[in-house]
Amino acid sequence: MKKRILICLTSSMFILSICPAINNSSYDFSINTASSIDSTVLPKKDIIGYQYKKVNNIIYRRLYNFSANKPLGDWERI
């Protein structure tokens, strides 16, 4: 049993000593920033929220698509 462990340990050390070491200085680890790739951002989802207005101390709201600048519904009283 001890001979097997000694043979495995010796052979693994021999194999690891033959393998060349990887030199990290040859690799380019540059980081691409958003400004270097493309400065425009295209949204994939519409921005939808509520618009509010106040008339005679009564608050109204409606759904509004801020990406397309279009209302999605009628004014409703809150």
PDB file of N, CA and C in Angstrom:
ATOM      1  N   MET A   1       0.822  -1.187   0.000  1.00  0.00           N
ATOM      2  CA  MET A   1       0.000   0.000   0.000  1.00  0.00           C
ATOM      3  C   MET A   1       0.866   1.250   0.000  1.00  0.00           C
ATOM      4  N   LYS A   2       1.921   1.244   0.815  1.00  0.00           N
ATOM      5  CA  LYS A   2       2.808   2.400   0.871  1.00  0.00           C
ATOM      6  C   LYS A   2       3.563   2.566  -0.438  1.00  0.00           C
ATOM      7  N   LYS A   3       3.853   1.447  -1.094  1.00  0.00           N
ATOM      8  CA  LYS A   3       4.551   1.544  -2.377  1.00  0.00           C
ATOM      9  C   LYS A   3       3.660   2.205  -3.427  1.00  0.00           C
ATOM     10  N   ARG A   4       2.376   1.891  -3.451  1.00  0.00           N
ATOM     11  CA  ARG A   4       1.451   2.485  -4.410  1.00  0.00           C
ATOM     12  C   ARG A   4       1.344   3.996  -4.191  1.00  0.00           C
ATOM     13  N   ILE A   5       1.240   4.400  -2.942  1.00  0.00           N
ATOM     14  CA  ILE A   5       1.147   5.831  -2.632  1.00  0.00           C
ATOM     15  C   ILE A   5       2.425   6.529  -3.048  1.00  0.00           C
ATOM     16  N   LEU A   6       3.571   5.916  -2.771  1.00  0.00           N
ATOM     17  CA  LEU A   6       4.857   6.510  -3.129  1.00  0.00           C
ATOM     18  C   LEU A   6       5.021   6.576  -4.644  1.00  0.00           C
ATOM     19  N   ILE A   7       4.595   5.550  -5.359  1.00  0.00           N
ATOM     20  CA  ILE A   7       4.691   5.553  -6.818  1.00  0.00           C
ATOM     21  C   ILE A   7       3.755   6.613  -7.412  1.00  0.00           C
ATOM     22  N   CYS A   8       2.526   6.723  -6.911  1.00  0.00           N
ATOM     23  CA  CYS A   8       1.575   7.729  -7.407  1.00  0.00           C
ATOM     24  C   CYS A   8       2.080   9.133  -7.133  1.00  0.00           C
ATOM     25  N   LEU A   9       2.608   9.347  -5.958  1.00  0.00           N
ATOM     26  CA  LEU A   9       3.133  10.664  -5.588  1.00  0.00           C
ATOM     27  C   LEU A   9       4.341  11.030  -6.438  1.00  0.00           C
ATOM     28  N   THR A  10       5.238  10.094  -6.653  1.00  0.00           N
ATOM     29  CA  THR A  10       6.426  10.345  -7.459  1.00  0.00           C
ATOM     30  C   THR A  10       6.058  10.602  -8.915  1.00  0.00           C
ATOM     31  N   SER A  11       5.142   9.800  -9.440  1.00  0.00           N
ATOM     32  CA  SER A  11       4.764   9.992 -10.843  1.00  0.00           C
ATOM     33  C   SER A  11       4.016  11.311 -11.046  1.00  0.00           C
ATOM     34  N   SER A  12       3.168  11.698 -10.108  1.00  0.00           N
ATOM     35  CA  SER A  12       2.455  12.963 -10.248  1.00  0.00           C
ATOM     36  C   SER A  12       3.415  14.146 -10.159  1.00  0.00           C
ATOM     37  N   MET A  13       4.421  14.074  -9.299  1.00  0.00           N
ATOM     38  CA  MET A  13       5.406  15.153  -9.210  1.00  0.00           C
ATOM     39  C   MET A  13       6.238  15.214 -10.483  1.00  0.00           C
ATOM     40  N   PHE A  14       6.543  14.055 -11.070  1.00  0.00           N
ATOM     41  CA  PHE A  14       7.311  14.025 -12.302  1.00  0.00           C
ATOM     42  C   PHE A  14       6.510  14.631 -13.461  1.00  0.00           C
ATOM     43  N   ILE A  15       5.229  14.287 -13.548  1.00  0.00           N
ATOM     44  CA  ILE A  15       4.374  14.817 -14.616  1.00  0.00           C
ATOM     45  C   ILE A  15       4.207  16.327 -14.462  1.00  0.00           C
ATOM     46  N   LEU A  16       4.013  16.792 -13.236  1.00  0.00           N
ATOM     47  CA  LEU A  16       3.849  18.231 -13.012  1.00  0.00           C
ATOM     48  C   LEU A  16       5.135  19.009 -13.266  1.00  0.00           C
ATOM     49  N   SER A  17       6.272  18.401 -13.071  1.00  0.00           N
ATOM     50  CA  SER A  17       7.527  19.109 -13.318  1.00  0.00           C
ATOM     51  C   SER A  17       7.833  19.195 -14.816  1.00  0.00           C
ATOM     52  N   ILE A  18       7.262  18.292 -15.624  1.00  0.00           N
ATOM     53  CA  ILE A  18       7.487  18.314 -17.062  1.00  0.00           C
ATOM     54  C   ILE A  18       6.603  19.367 -17.739  1.00  0.00           C
ATOM     55  N   CYS A  19       5.380  19.550 -17.232  1.00  0.00           N
ATOM     56  CA  CYS A  19       4.436  20.502 -17.841  1.00  0.00           C
ATOM     57  C   CYS A  19       4.983  21.914 -17.738  1.00  0.00           C
ATOM     58  N   PRO A  20       4.924  22.676 -18.829  1.00  0.00           N
ATOM     59  CA  PRO A  20       5.417  24.053 -18.772  1.00  0.00           C
ATOM     60  C   PRO A  20       4.479  24.938 -17.960  1.00  0.00           C
ATOM     61  N   ALA A  21       5.063  25.911 -17.330  1.00  0.00           N
ATOM     62  CA  ALA A  21       4.273  26.857 -16.546  1.00  0.00           C
ATOM     63  C   ALA A  21       3.638  27.878 -17.488  1.00  0.00           C
ATOM     64  N   ILE A  22       2.416  28.318 -17.169  1.00  0.00           N
ATOM     65  CA  ILE A  22       1.708  29.295 -17.984  1.00  0.00           C
ATOM     66  C   ILE A  22       2.150  30.681 -17.555  1.00  0.00           C
ATOM     67  N   ASN A  23       2.589  31.467 -18.527  1.00  0.00           N
ATOM     68  CA  ASN A  23       3.034  32.821 -18.255  1.00  0.00           C
ATOM     69  C   ASN A  23       1.867  33.766 -18.511  1.00  0.00           C
ATOM     70  N   ASN A  24       1.360  34.422 -17.480  1.00  0.00           N
ATOM     71  CA  ASN A  24       0.208  35.294 -17.609  1.00  0.00           C
ATOM     72  C   ASN A  24       0.539  36.617 -18.279  1.00  0.00           C
ATOM     73  N   SER A  25       1.786  36.967 -18.403  1.00  0.00           N
ATOM     74  CA  SER A  25       2.133  38.245 -19.010  1.00  0.00           C
ATOM     75  C   SER A  25       1.895  38.246 -20.517  1.00  0.00           C
ATOM     76  N   SER A  26       1.738  37.085 -21.123  1.00  0.00           N
ATOM     77  CA  SER A  26       1.504  37.028 -22.560  1.00  0.00           C
ATOM     78  C   SER A  26       0.040  37.261 -22.916  1.00  0.00           C
ATOM     79  N   TYR A  27      -0.865  37.218 -21.949  1.00  0.00           N
ATOM     80  CA  TYR A  27      -2.280  37.405 -22.208  1.00  0.00           C
ATOM     81  C   TYR A  27      -2.650  38.866 -22.062  1.00  0.00           C
ATOM     82  N   ASP A  28      -3.636  39.294 -22.856  1.00  0.00           N
ATOM     83  CA  ASP A  28      -4.126  40.659 -22.804  1.00  0.00           C
ATOM     84  C   ASP A  28      -5.411  40.678 -21.987  1.00  0.00           C
ATOM     85  N   PHE A  29      -5.371  41.293 -20.819  1.00  0.00           N
ATOM     86  CA  PHE A  29      -6.523  41.356 -19.935  1.00  0.00           C
ATOM     87  C   PHE A  29      -7.159  42.734 -19.976  1.00  0.00           C
ATOM     88  N   SER A  30      -7.336  43.302 -21.164  1.00  0.00           N
ATOM     89  CA  SER A  30      -7.935  44.627 -21.264  1.00  0.00           C
ATOM     90  C   SER A  30      -9.434  44.526 -21.028  1.00  0.00           C
ATOM     91  N   ILE A  31      -9.993  45.554 -20.434  1.00  0.00           N
ATOM     92  CA  ILE A  31     -11.407  45.606 -20.114  1.00  0.00           C
ATOM     93  C   ILE A  31     -12.070  46.560 -21.099  1.00  0.00           C
ATOM     94  N   ASN A  32     -13.091  46.064 -21.785  1.00  0.00           N
ATOM     95  CA  ASN A  32     -13.819  46.907 -22.721  1.00  0.00           C
ATOM     96  C   ASN A  32     -14.908  47.651 -21.964  1.00  0.00           C
ATOM     97  N   THR A  33     -14.840  48.954 -21.980  1.00  0.00           N
ATOM     98  CA  THR A  33     -15.859  49.751 -21.319  1.00  0.00           C
ATOM     99  C   THR A  33     -16.988  50.028 -22.295  1.00  0.00           C
ATOM    100  N   ALA A  34     -18.087  50.526 -21.778  1.00  0.00           N
ATOM    101  CA  ALA A  34     -19.249  50.801 -22.623  1.00  0.00           C
ATOM    102  C   ALA A  34     -18.943  51.897 -23.634  1.00  0.00           C
ATOM    103  N   SER A  35     -18.087  52.838 -23.271  1.00  0.00           N
ATOM    104  CA  SER A  35     -17.789  53.925 -24.192  1.00  0.00           C
ATOM    105  C   SER A  35     -16.918  53.453 -25.348  1.00  0.00           C
ATOM    106  N   SER A  36     -16.105  52.428 -25.126  1.00  0.00           N
ATOM    107  CA  SER A  36     -15.261  51.942 -26.206  1.00  0.00           C
ATOM    108  C   SER A  36     -16.019  50.995 -27.138  1.00  0.00           C
ATOM    109  N   ILE A  37     -17.068  50.341 -26.650  1.00  0.00           N
ATOM    110  CA  ILE A  37     -17.826  49.416 -27.484  1.00  0.00           C
ATOM    111  C   ILE A  37     -18.892  50.182 -28.278  1.00  0.00           C
ATOM    112  N   ASP A  38     -19.821  50.794 -27.589  1.00  0.00           N
ATOM    113  CA  ASP A  38     -20.900  51.512 -28.238  1.00  0.00           C
ATOM    114  C   ASP A  38     -21.512  52.449 -27.212  1.00  0.00           C
ATOM    115  N   SER A  39     -21.665  53.698 -27.571  1.00  0.00           N
ATOM    116  CA  SER A  39     -22.142  54.672 -26.595  1.00  0.00           C
ATOM    117  C   SER A  39     -23.656  54.790 -26.588  1.00  0.00           C
ATOM    118  N   THR A  40     -24.357  54.139 -27.509  1.00  0.00           N
ATOM    119  CA  THR A  40     -25.809  54.225 -27.520  1.00  0.00           C
ATOM    120  C   THR A  40     -26.409  53.037 -26.797  1.00  0.00           C
ATOM    121  N   VAL A  41     -27.450  53.316 -26.041  1.00  0.00           N
ATOM    122  CA  VAL A  41     -28.158  52.269 -25.310  1.00  0.00           C
ATOM    123  C   VAL A  41     -29.582  52.226 -25.846  1.00  0.00           C
ATOM    124  N   LEU A  42     -29.982  51.066 -26.309  1.00  0.00           N
ATOM    125  CA  LEU A  42     -31.326  50.905 -26.828  1.00  0.00           C
ATOM    126  C   LEU A  42     -32.161  50.130 -25.811  1.00  0.00           C
ATOM    127  N   PRO A  43     -33.254  50.736 -25.310  1.00  0.00           N
ATOM    128  CA  PRO A  43     -34.071  50.031 -24.324  1.00  0.00           C
ATOM    129  C   PRO A  43     -34.827  48.879 -24.956  1.00  0.00           C
ATOM    130  N   LYS A  44     -34.980  47.810 -24.228  1.00  0.00           N
ATOM    131  CA  LYS A  44     -35.695  46.646 -24.723  1.00  0.00           C
ATOM    132  C   LYS A  44     -37.118  46.590 -24.174  1.00  0.00           C
ATOM    133  N   LYS A  45     -37.407  47.426 -23.207  1.00  0.00           N
ATOM    134  CA  LYS A  45     -38.716  47.417 -22.583  1.00  0.00           C
ATOM    135  C   LYS A  45     -39.202  48.858 -22.472  1.00  0.00           C
ATOM    136  N   ASP A  46     -40.480  49.083 -22.759  1.00  0.00           N
ATOM    137  CA  ASP A  46     -41.035  50.421 -22.642  1.00  0.00           C
ATOM    138  C   ASP A  46     -41.074  50.856 -21.181  1.00  0.00           C
ATOM    139  N   ILE A  47     -40.870  52.151 -20.966  1.00  0.00           N
ATOM    140  CA  ILE A  47     -40.959  52.724 -19.628  1.00  0.00           C
ATOM    141  C   ILE A  47     -42.380  53.229 -19.450  1.00  0.00           C
ATOM    142  N   ILE A  48     -43.135  52.551 -18.604  1.00  0.00           N
ATOM    143  CA  ILE A  48     -44.543  52.864 -18.393  1.00  0.00           C
ATOM    144  C   ILE A  48     -44.738  53.251 -16.942  1.00  0.00           C
ATOM    145  N   GLY A  49     -45.432  54.362 -16.743  1.00  0.00           N
ATOM    146  CA  GLY A  49     -45.711  54.829 -15.388  1.00  0.00           C
ATOM    147  C   GLY A  49     -46.959  55.685 -15.384  1.00  0.00           C
ATOM    148  N   TYR A  50     -47.240  56.271 -14.234  1.00  0.00           N
ATOM    149  CA  TYR A  50     -48.411  57.117 -14.093  1.00  0.00           C
ATOM    150  C   TYR A  50     -48.028  58.575 -14.261  1.00  0.00           C
ATOM    151  N   GLN A  51     -48.919  59.328 -14.908  1.00  0.00           N
ATOM    152  CA  GLN A  51     -48.841  60.776 -14.953  1.00  0.00           C
ATOM    153  C   GLN A  51     -49.908  61.300 -14.011  1.00  0.00           C
ATOM    154  N   TYR A  52     -49.590  62.369 -13.309  1.00  0.00           N
ATOM    155  CA  TYR A  52     -50.528  62.937 -12.353  1.00  0.00           C
ATOM    156  C   TYR A  52     -50.811  64.382 -12.719  1.00  0.00           C
ATOM    157  N   LYS A  53     -52.032  64.816 -12.433  1.00  0.00           N
ATOM    158  CA  LYS A  53     -52.374  66.226 -12.552  1.00  0.00           C
ATOM    159  C   LYS A  53     -53.381  66.564 -11.458  1.00  0.00           C
ATOM    160  N   LYS A  54     -53.397  67.837 -11.100  1.00  0.00           N
ATOM    161  CA  LYS A  54     -54.269  68.294 -10.033  1.00  0.00           C
ATOM    162  C   LYS A  54     -55.174  69.385 -10.589  1.00  0.00           C
ATOM    163  N   VAL A  55     -56.478  69.160 -10.489  1.00  0.00           N
ATOM    164  CA  VAL A  55     -57.461  70.126 -10.959  1.00  0.00           C
ATOM    165  C   VAL A  55     -58.437  70.381  -9.818  1.00  0.00           C
ATOM    166  N   ASN A  56     -58.508  71.644  -9.357  1.00  0.00           N
ATOM    167  CA  ASN A  56     -59.395  72.042  -8.250  1.00  0.00           C
ATOM    168  C   ASN A  56     -59.190  71.157  -7.015  1.00  0.00           C
ATOM    169  N   ASN A  57     -57.938  70.927  -6.647  1.00  0.00           N
ATOM    170  CA  ASN A  57     -57.550  70.102  -5.486  1.00  0.00           C
ATOM    171  C   ASN A  57     -57.998  68.646  -5.614  1.00  0.00           C
ATOM    172  N   ILE A  58     -58.284  68.185  -6.819  1.00  0.00           N
ATOM    173  CA  ILE A  58     -58.607  66.783  -7.084  1.00  0.00           C
ATOM    174  C   ILE A  58     -57.472  66.220  -7.932  1.00  0.00           C
ATOM    175  N   ILE A  59     -56.933  65.084  -7.521  1.00  0.00           N
ATOM    176  CA  ILE A  59     -55.793  64.488  -8.210  1.00  0.00           C
ATOM    177  C   ILE A  59     -56.288  63.434  -9.192  1.00  0.00           C
ATOM    178  N   TYR A  60     -55.786  63.517 -10.417  1.00  0.00           N
ATOM    179  CA  TYR A  60     -56.096  62.558 -11.467  1.00  0.00           C
ATOM    180  C   TYR A  60     -54.789  61.872 -11.893  1.00  0.00           C
ATOM    181  N   ARG A  61     -54.946  60.649 -12.415  1.00  0.00           N
ATOM    182  CA  ARG A  61     -53.776  59.937 -12.925  1.00  0.00           C
ATOM    183  C   ARG A  61     -54.173  59.162 -14.172  1.00  0.00           C
ATOM    184  N   ARG A  62     -53.156  58.848 -15.008  1.00  0.00           N
ATOM    185  CA  ARG A  62     -53.338  57.981 -16.166  1.00  0.00           C
ATOM    186  C   ARG A  62     -52.034  57.272 -16.459  1.00  0.00           C
ATOM    187  N   LEU A  63     -52.164  56.096 -17.057  1.00  0.00           N
ATOM    188  CA  LEU A  63     -50.971  55.362 -17.470  1.00  0.00           C
ATOM    189  C   LEU A  63     -50.375  56.048 -18.691  1.00  0.00           C
ATOM    190  N   TYR A  64     -49.056  56.120 -18.705  1.00  0.00           N
ATOM    191  CA  TYR A  64     -48.377  56.838 -19.776  1.00  0.00           C
ATOM    192  C   TYR A  64     -47.139  56.062 -20.194  1.00  0.00           C
ATOM    193  N   ASN A  65     -46.933  55.929 -21.504  1.00  0.00           N
ATOM    194  CA  ASN A  65     -45.745  55.281 -22.041  1.00  0.00           C
ATOM    195  C   ASN A  65     -44.707  56.373 -22.282  1.00  0.00           C
ATOM    196  N   PHE A  66     -43.703  56.460 -21.404  1.00  0.00           N
ATOM    197  CA  PHE A  66     -42.694  57.506 -21.490  1.00  0.00           C
ATOM    198  C   PHE A  66     -41.701  57.249 -22.619  1.00  0.00           C
ATOM    199  N   SER A  67     -41.607  56.015 -23.092  1.00  0.00           N
ATOM    200  CA  SER A  67     -40.709  55.706 -24.203  1.00  0.00           C
ATOM    201  C   SER A  67     -41.277  56.226 -25.528  1.00  0.00           C
ATOM    202  N   ALA A  68     -42.582  56.061 -25.721  1.00  0.00           N
ATOM    203  CA  ALA A  68     -43.223  56.484 -26.966  1.00  0.00           C
ATOM    204  C   ALA A  68     -43.924  57.827 -26.821  1.00  0.00           C
ATOM    205  N   ASN A  69     -43.946  58.386 -25.612  1.00  0.00           N
ATOM    206  CA  ASN A  69     -44.629  59.650 -25.318  1.00  0.00           C
ATOM    207  C   ASN A  69     -46.102  59.607 -25.731  1.00  0.00           C
ATOM    208  N   LYS A  70     -46.793  58.535 -25.305  1.00  0.00           N
ATOM    209  CA  LYS A  70     -48.207  58.356 -25.615  1.00  0.00           C
ATOM    210  C   LYS A  70     -48.949  57.928 -24.354  1.00  0.00           C
ATOM    211  N   PRO A  71     -50.152  58.462 -24.150  1.00  0.00           N
ATOM    212  CA  PRO A  71     -50.960  57.983 -23.020  1.00  0.00           C
ATOM    213  C   PRO A  71     -51.550  56.606 -23.330  1.00  0.00           C
ATOM    214  N   LEU A  72     -51.691  55.789 -22.297  1.00  0.00           N
ATOM    215  CA  LEU A  72     -52.223  54.437 -22.459  1.00  0.00           C
ATOM    216  C   LEU A  72     -53.645  54.298 -21.938  1.00  0.00           C
ATOM    217  N   GLY A  73     -54.167  55.352 -21.356  1.00  0.00           N
ATOM    218  CA  GLY A  73     -55.519  55.284 -20.825  1.00  0.00           C
ATOM    219  C   GLY A  73     -56.064  56.675 -20.572  1.00  0.00           C
ATOM    220  N   ASP A  74     -57.283  56.708 -20.035  1.00  0.00           N
ATOM    221  CA  ASP A  74     -57.933  57.982 -19.719  1.00  0.00           C
ATOM    222  C   ASP A  74     -57.555  58.411 -18.297  1.00  0.00           C
ATOM    223  N   TRP A  75     -57.814  59.699 -18.041  1.00  0.00           N
ATOM    224  CA  TRP A  75     -57.578  60.222 -16.695  1.00  0.00           C
ATOM    225  C   TRP A  75     -58.583  59.599 -15.741  1.00  0.00           C
ATOM    226  N   GLU A  76     -58.141  59.190 -14.571  1.00  0.00           N
ATOM    227  CA  GLU A  76     -59.024  58.638 -13.552  1.00  0.00           C
ATOM    228  C   GLU A  76     -58.778  59.381 -12.253  1.00  0.00           C
ATOM    229  N   ARG A  77     -59.840  59.559 -11.509  1.00  0.00           N
ATOM    230  CA  ARG A  77     -59.769  60.289 -10.239  1.00  0.00           C
ATOM    231  C   ARG A  77     -59.238  59.355  -9.150  1.00  0.00           C
ATOM    232  N   ILE A  78     -58.370  59.895  -8.329  1.00  0.00           N
ATOM    233  CA  ILE A  78     -57.804  59.115  -7.221  1.00  0.00           C
ATOM    234  C   ILE A  78     -58.544  59.427  -5.952  1.00  0.00           C
TER     235      ILE A  78
END
